[in-house]
Amino acid sequence: THGLRGYEKIFARCNDNARILIEATPGYLYSRTARDVLPNLPNQPRFIFMLREPVEQVKSLYRYFQENWNWIPREMTFADFVRDIKQGRAQFRGNELAAHALENADYAPHLLRWRQVCRQDRMHVFLFEEMVRDNRNFMRSLATKMEIDPTFYDDYDFPAANESYVVRSRFVHEVNIHLRGLIPKGPLFRALRRLYRTANTRKAEKGGVLDDGAERLLSERYLPGLEVLEREFGLDLTGWRQVLTAR
């Protein structure tokens, strides 16, 4: 929105002596602006892409945007969510990640577009499941690739962030969504967020089947793309293939 000067403000609080600055924005994988601008920055940044099994990715997005936010109507079932996206009927209040959730989980075309504008040695493609299975060793390995000290993660406690939750009162949640955009990020924001989550949310159940039919159709959609990801980016997607085939 504000060009590179606006982008630089993201890093204003970082250590001036830092050799490496890191920020995470999932939408970059799908963003033409990101592809046009970021690979051409003079410091030649590297790009880390974290891929999750496609159907689980779509399910996670559905849960998160329906409960933690209000982009997806509370009464919309997962089957209706998938159907409306396929038919192009839902805009989800302008949220592009929700409106294009099915296309976005087909990762190969997006990664191939990135490779056209960025050398592959600046692209690092990983699997979410590998990180979750052994987060400590995963981060040690990633730190080594980024040429930073991997021993930082020897006693790191890996706090969870952005976990999906279930809202108790939808009205209170709508007020929360409106107000949290007006409060500057800082100690007060974090304290109010903890208070709100204690009072108006509970933990969401992880995993599970949302809709057999919808999940089966999505599995059929994504299975053919696995071969391209394996061939072009050296990934072992045996686990994904087993899960998608089992559905």
Protein backbone atom coordinates (compact mmCIF):
# COMPACT_ATOMS: atom_id res chain seq x y z
CA THR A 1 0.00 0.00 0.00
CA HIS A 2 2.80 2.43 0.86
CA GLY A 3 5.56 1.05 -1.34
CA LEU A 4 8.98 0.01 -0.13
CA ARG A 5 9.08 2.83 2.44
CA GLY A 6 6.00 1.36 4.06
CA TYR A 7 7.51 -2.11 3.91
CA GLU A 8 10.67 -0.88 5.65
CA LYS A 9 8.57 0.28 8.62
CA ILE A 10 7.82 -3.37 9.43
CA PHE A 11 11.46 -3.71 10.43
CA ALA A 12 11.80 -0.39 12.28
CA ARG A 13 12.06 -2.10 15.69
CA CYS A 14 14.67 -4.62 14.58
CA ASN A 15 18.26 -4.56 15.76
CA ASP A 16 20.31 -2.29 13.47
CA ASN A 17 23.21 -4.74 13.68
CA ALA A 18 21.16 -7.77 12.63
CA ARG A 19 22.57 -9.70 9.68
CA ILE A 20 19.24 -11.30 8.83
CA LEU A 21 15.69 -9.94 9.09
CA ILE A 22 12.72 -12.32 8.85
CA GLU A 23 9.01 -11.73 8.41
CA ALA A 24 6.18 -14.10 7.55
CA THR A 25 3.22 -13.39 5.29
CA PRO A 26 1.34 -16.41 3.85
CA GLY A 27 -0.18 -14.38 1.02
CA TYR A 28 3.21 -13.83 -0.62
CA LEU A 29 3.03 -17.28 -2.23
CA TYR A 30 0.06 -16.08 -4.30
CA SER A 31 0.95 -12.39 -4.68
CA ARG A 32 2.05 -10.99 -8.04
CA THR A 33 3.33 -7.84 -6.31
CA ALA A 34 5.51 -9.92 -4.00
CA ARG A 35 6.93 -11.84 -6.98
CA ASP A 36 7.58 -8.65 -8.94
CA VAL A 37 9.24 -6.72 -6.12
CA LEU A 38 10.85 -8.88 -3.44
CA PRO A 39 13.21 -11.05 -5.57
CA ASN A 40 14.68 -7.85 -7.05
CA LEU A 41 15.56 -6.15 -3.76
CA PRO A 42 19.30 -5.35 -3.66
CA ASN A 43 19.95 -7.63 -0.68
CA GLN A 44 18.58 -10.61 -2.66
CA PRO A 45 16.36 -12.08 0.10
CA ARG A 46 15.68 -15.79 0.43
CA PHE A 47 12.16 -17.19 0.48
CA ILE A 48 10.88 -19.94 2.74
CA PHE A 49 7.72 -21.74 1.64
CA MET A 50 5.96 -23.99 4.16
CA LEU A 51 3.44 -26.37 2.57
CA ARG A 52 0.73 -28.29 4.38
CA GLU A 53 -1.19 -31.31 3.08
CA PRO A 54 -3.71 -29.52 0.82
CA VAL A 55 -7.02 -30.75 2.24
CA GLU A 56 -5.87 -30.11 5.80
CA GLN A 57 -4.74 -26.65 4.69
CA VAL A 58 -8.21 -25.84 3.33
CA LYS A 59 -9.88 -27.23 6.48
CA SER A 60 -7.57 -25.23 8.75
CA LEU A 61 -8.27 -22.02 6.84
CA TYR A 62 -12.01 -22.66 7.04
CA ARG A 63 -11.90 -23.18 10.81
CA TYR A 64 -9.61 -20.22 11.45
CA PHE A 65 -11.49 -17.66 9.35
CA GLN A 66 -14.87 -18.84 10.62
CA GLU A 67 -14.02 -18.79 14.33
CA ASN A 68 -11.03 -16.50 14.93
CA TRP A 69 -12.40 -13.94 12.49
CA ASN A 70 -15.73 -13.42 10.74
CA TRP A 71 -14.80 -13.81 7.09
CA ILE A 72 -16.74 -17.07 6.75
CA PRO A 73 -20.34 -17.10 8.05
CA ARG A 74 -20.77 -19.11 11.25
CA GLU A 75 -23.64 -21.11 9.76
CA MET A 76 -21.73 -22.10 6.58
CA THR A 77 -20.81 -25.79 6.53
CA PHE A 78 -17.50 -26.98 5.11
CA ALA A 79 -19.32 -28.62 2.18
CA ASP A 80 -21.06 -25.30 1.38
CA PHE A 81 -17.72 -23.48 1.71
CA VAL A 82 -16.10 -25.78 -0.85
CA ARG A 83 -19.11 -25.66 -3.18
CA ASP A 84 -19.38 -21.86 -3.14
CA ILE A 85 -15.67 -21.43 -3.90
CA LYS A 86 -15.86 -23.87 -6.81
CA GLN A 87 -18.86 -22.00 -8.19
CA GLY A 88 -17.29 -18.58 -7.58
CA ARG A 89 -20.31 -17.45 -5.57
CA ALA A 90 -18.73 -16.34 -2.29
CA GLN A 91 -16.47 -13.33 -1.71
CA PHE A 92 -16.10 -13.74 2.06
CA ARG A 93 -16.14 -9.98 2.71
CA GLY A 94 -13.26 -9.46 0.29
CA ASN A 95 -10.90 -11.96 1.93
CA GLU A 96 -8.89 -13.33 -0.99
CA LEU A 97 -7.32 -16.19 0.97
CA ALA A 98 -10.78 -17.54 1.72
CA ALA A 99 -12.21 -16.89 -1.75
CA HIS A 100 -9.29 -18.65 -3.46
CA ALA A 101 -8.65 -21.31 -0.82
CA LEU A 102 -8.95 -24.27 -3.21
CA GLU A 103 -6.72 -22.77 -5.88
CA ASN A 104 -4.16 -21.65 -3.29
CA ALA A 105 -3.75 -25.18 -1.91
CA ASP A 106 -2.63 -26.35 -5.37
CA TYR A 107 0.92 -25.23 -4.63
CA ALA A 108 2.88 -26.25 -7.73
CA PRO A 109 1.73 -23.49 -10.13
CA HIS A 110 2.45 -20.80 -7.53
CA LEU A 111 5.93 -22.14 -6.74
CA LEU A 112 6.76 -22.46 -10.44
CA ARG A 113 5.82 -18.78 -10.95
CA TRP A 114 8.19 -17.86 -8.12
CA ARG A 115 10.96 -19.91 -9.69
CA GLN A 116 10.60 -17.94 -12.90
CA VAL A 117 11.62 -14.75 -11.08
CA CYS A 118 13.88 -16.15 -8.37
CA ARG A 119 16.79 -18.57 -8.50
CA GLN A 120 15.92 -21.90 -6.93
CA ASP A 121 18.84 -21.65 -4.52
CA ARG A 122 17.02 -18.70 -2.92
CA MET A 123 13.85 -20.77 -2.52
CA HIS A 124 13.51 -23.16 0.42
CA VAL A 125 10.43 -25.39 0.28
CA PHE A 126 9.48 -27.39 3.39
CA LEU A 127 6.58 -29.46 4.66
CA PHE A 128 4.51 -28.30 7.63
CA GLU A 129 4.20 -31.89 8.83
CA GLU A 130 7.99 -32.27 9.09
CA MET A 131 8.20 -29.14 11.23
CA VAL A 132 5.42 -30.32 13.55
CA ARG A 133 6.84 -33.84 13.87
CA ASP A 134 10.21 -32.62 15.18
CA ASN A 135 10.17 -28.84 15.52
CA ARG A 136 13.48 -28.59 17.36
CA ASN A 137 15.57 -30.48 14.82
CA PHE A 138 13.66 -28.86 11.98
CA MET A 139 14.52 -25.37 13.23
CA ARG A 140 18.15 -26.32 13.88
CA SER A 141 18.41 -27.48 10.28
CA LEU A 142 16.69 -24.35 8.97
CA ALA A 143 18.92 -22.09 11.07
CA THR A 144 22.00 -23.81 9.63
CA LYS A 145 20.70 -23.20 6.11
CA MET A 146 20.12 -19.53 7.00
CA GLU A 147 23.67 -19.35 8.44
CA ILE A 148 22.56 -18.46 11.97
CA ASP A 149 23.34 -20.22 15.24
CA PRO A 150 21.25 -23.42 15.47
CA THR A 151 21.95 -23.84 19.20
CA PHE A 152 19.37 -21.11 19.90
CA TYR A 153 16.72 -23.83 19.55
CA ASP A 154 18.34 -26.24 22.01
CA ASP A 155 16.14 -24.99 24.87
CA TYR A 156 13.49 -22.99 22.97
CA ASP A 157 9.94 -23.76 24.17
CA PHE A 158 8.11 -23.19 20.84
CA PRO A 159 5.02 -21.27 22.03
CA ALA A 160 1.93 -21.79 19.88
CA ALA A 161 0.53 -18.82 17.94
CA ASN A 162 -2.56 -18.23 15.76
CA GLU A 163 -4.27 -21.38 16.95
CA SER A 164 -7.91 -21.78 16.02
CA TYR A 165 -10.43 -21.44 18.84
CA VAL A 166 -14.21 -21.67 19.27
CA VAL A 167 -16.10 -18.48 20.13
CA ARG A 168 -18.68 -18.53 22.93
CA SER A 169 -20.56 -15.30 22.10
CA ARG A 170 -20.64 -14.21 18.46
CA PHE A 171 -21.74 -10.69 19.41
CA VAL A 172 -18.77 -10.21 21.76
CA HIS A 173 -16.52 -11.61 19.05
CA GLU A 174 -17.76 -9.07 16.48
CA VAL A 175 -17.03 -6.27 18.96
CA ASN A 176 -13.57 -7.75 19.54
CA ILE A 177 -12.80 -7.84 15.82
CA HIS A 178 -13.79 -4.19 15.47
CA LEU A 179 -11.80 -2.99 18.48
CA ARG A 180 -8.60 -4.97 17.96
CA GLY A 181 -7.90 -3.09 14.76
CA LEU A 182 -8.00 0.21 16.65
CA ILE A 183 -5.62 -0.67 19.51
CA PRO A 184 -1.88 -0.29 18.80
CA LYS A 185 0.11 -3.52 19.07
CA GLY A 186 1.93 -3.59 22.40
CA PRO A 187 1.54 -4.63 26.06
CA LEU A 188 -2.03 -3.29 26.34
CA PHE A 189 -3.07 -5.10 23.16
CA ARG A 190 -1.60 -8.38 24.37
CA ALA A 191 -3.18 -8.05 27.82
CA LEU A 192 -6.64 -7.35 26.36
CA ARG A 193 -6.24 -10.23 23.93
CA ARG A 194 -5.46 -12.65 26.77
CA LEU A 195 -8.46 -11.37 28.73
CA TYR A 196 -10.78 -11.73 25.75
CA ARG A 197 -9.63 -15.25 24.92
CA THR A 198 -10.03 -16.36 28.52
CA ALA A 199 -13.57 -14.98 28.71
CA ASN A 200 -15.00 -15.69 25.27
CA THR A 201 -13.17 -18.60 23.66
CA ARG A 202 -12.35 -22.25 24.19
CA LYS A 203 -9.86 -24.49 22.43
CA ALA A 204 -10.96 -25.97 19.13
CA GLU A 205 -10.74 -29.68 18.50
CA LYS A 206 -7.91 -30.50 16.12
CA GLY A 207 -8.17 -32.84 13.18
CA GLY A 208 -11.26 -34.85 12.46
CA VAL A 209 -13.46 -35.09 9.40
CA LEU A 210 -15.57 -32.05 8.52
CA ASP A 211 -17.40 -33.63 5.56
CA ASP A 212 -16.56 -36.97 3.96
CA GLY A 213 -17.83 -36.05 0.50
CA ALA A 214 -16.17 -32.65 0.30
CA GLU A 215 -12.86 -33.99 1.61
CA ARG A 216 -12.92 -36.87 -0.88
CA LEU A 217 -13.51 -34.49 -3.80
CA LEU A 218 -10.66 -32.24 -2.65
CA SER A 219 -8.33 -35.22 -2.31
CA GLU A 220 -9.09 -36.21 -5.91
CA ARG A 221 -8.37 -32.63 -6.95
CA TYR A 222 -4.95 -32.40 -5.33
CA LEU A 223 -3.51 -35.89 -5.89
CA PRO A 224 -2.31 -35.24 -9.49
CA GLY A 225 -0.29 -32.18 -8.44
CA LEU A 226 1.92 -34.08 -6.01
CA GLU A 227 4.10 -35.52 -8.76
CA VAL A 228 4.98 -32.04 -10.02
CA LEU A 229 5.97 -30.87 -6.53
CA GLU A 230 8.15 -33.94 -6.01
CA ARG A 231 9.85 -33.67 -9.40
CA GLU A 232 10.40 -29.92 -9.48
CA PHE A 233 11.21 -29.22 -5.82
CA GLY A 234 12.69 -32.47 -4.54
CA LEU A 235 9.97 -33.15 -1.97
CA ASP A 236 9.01 -36.55 -0.58
CA LEU A 237 5.21 -36.47 -0.48
CA THR A 238 4.65 -40.12 0.37
CA GLY A 239 2.78 -39.12 3.53
CA TRP A 240 0.50 -36.71 1.68
CA ARG A 241 -0.21 -39.29 -1.02
CA GLN A 242 -1.18 -41.90 1.56
CA VAL A 243 -3.55 -39.50 3.34
CA LEU A 244 -5.17 -38.23 0.14
CA THR A 245 -5.58 -41.77 -1.27
CA ALA A 246 -7.07 -43.04 1.99
CA ARG A 247 -9.85 -40.45 1.78
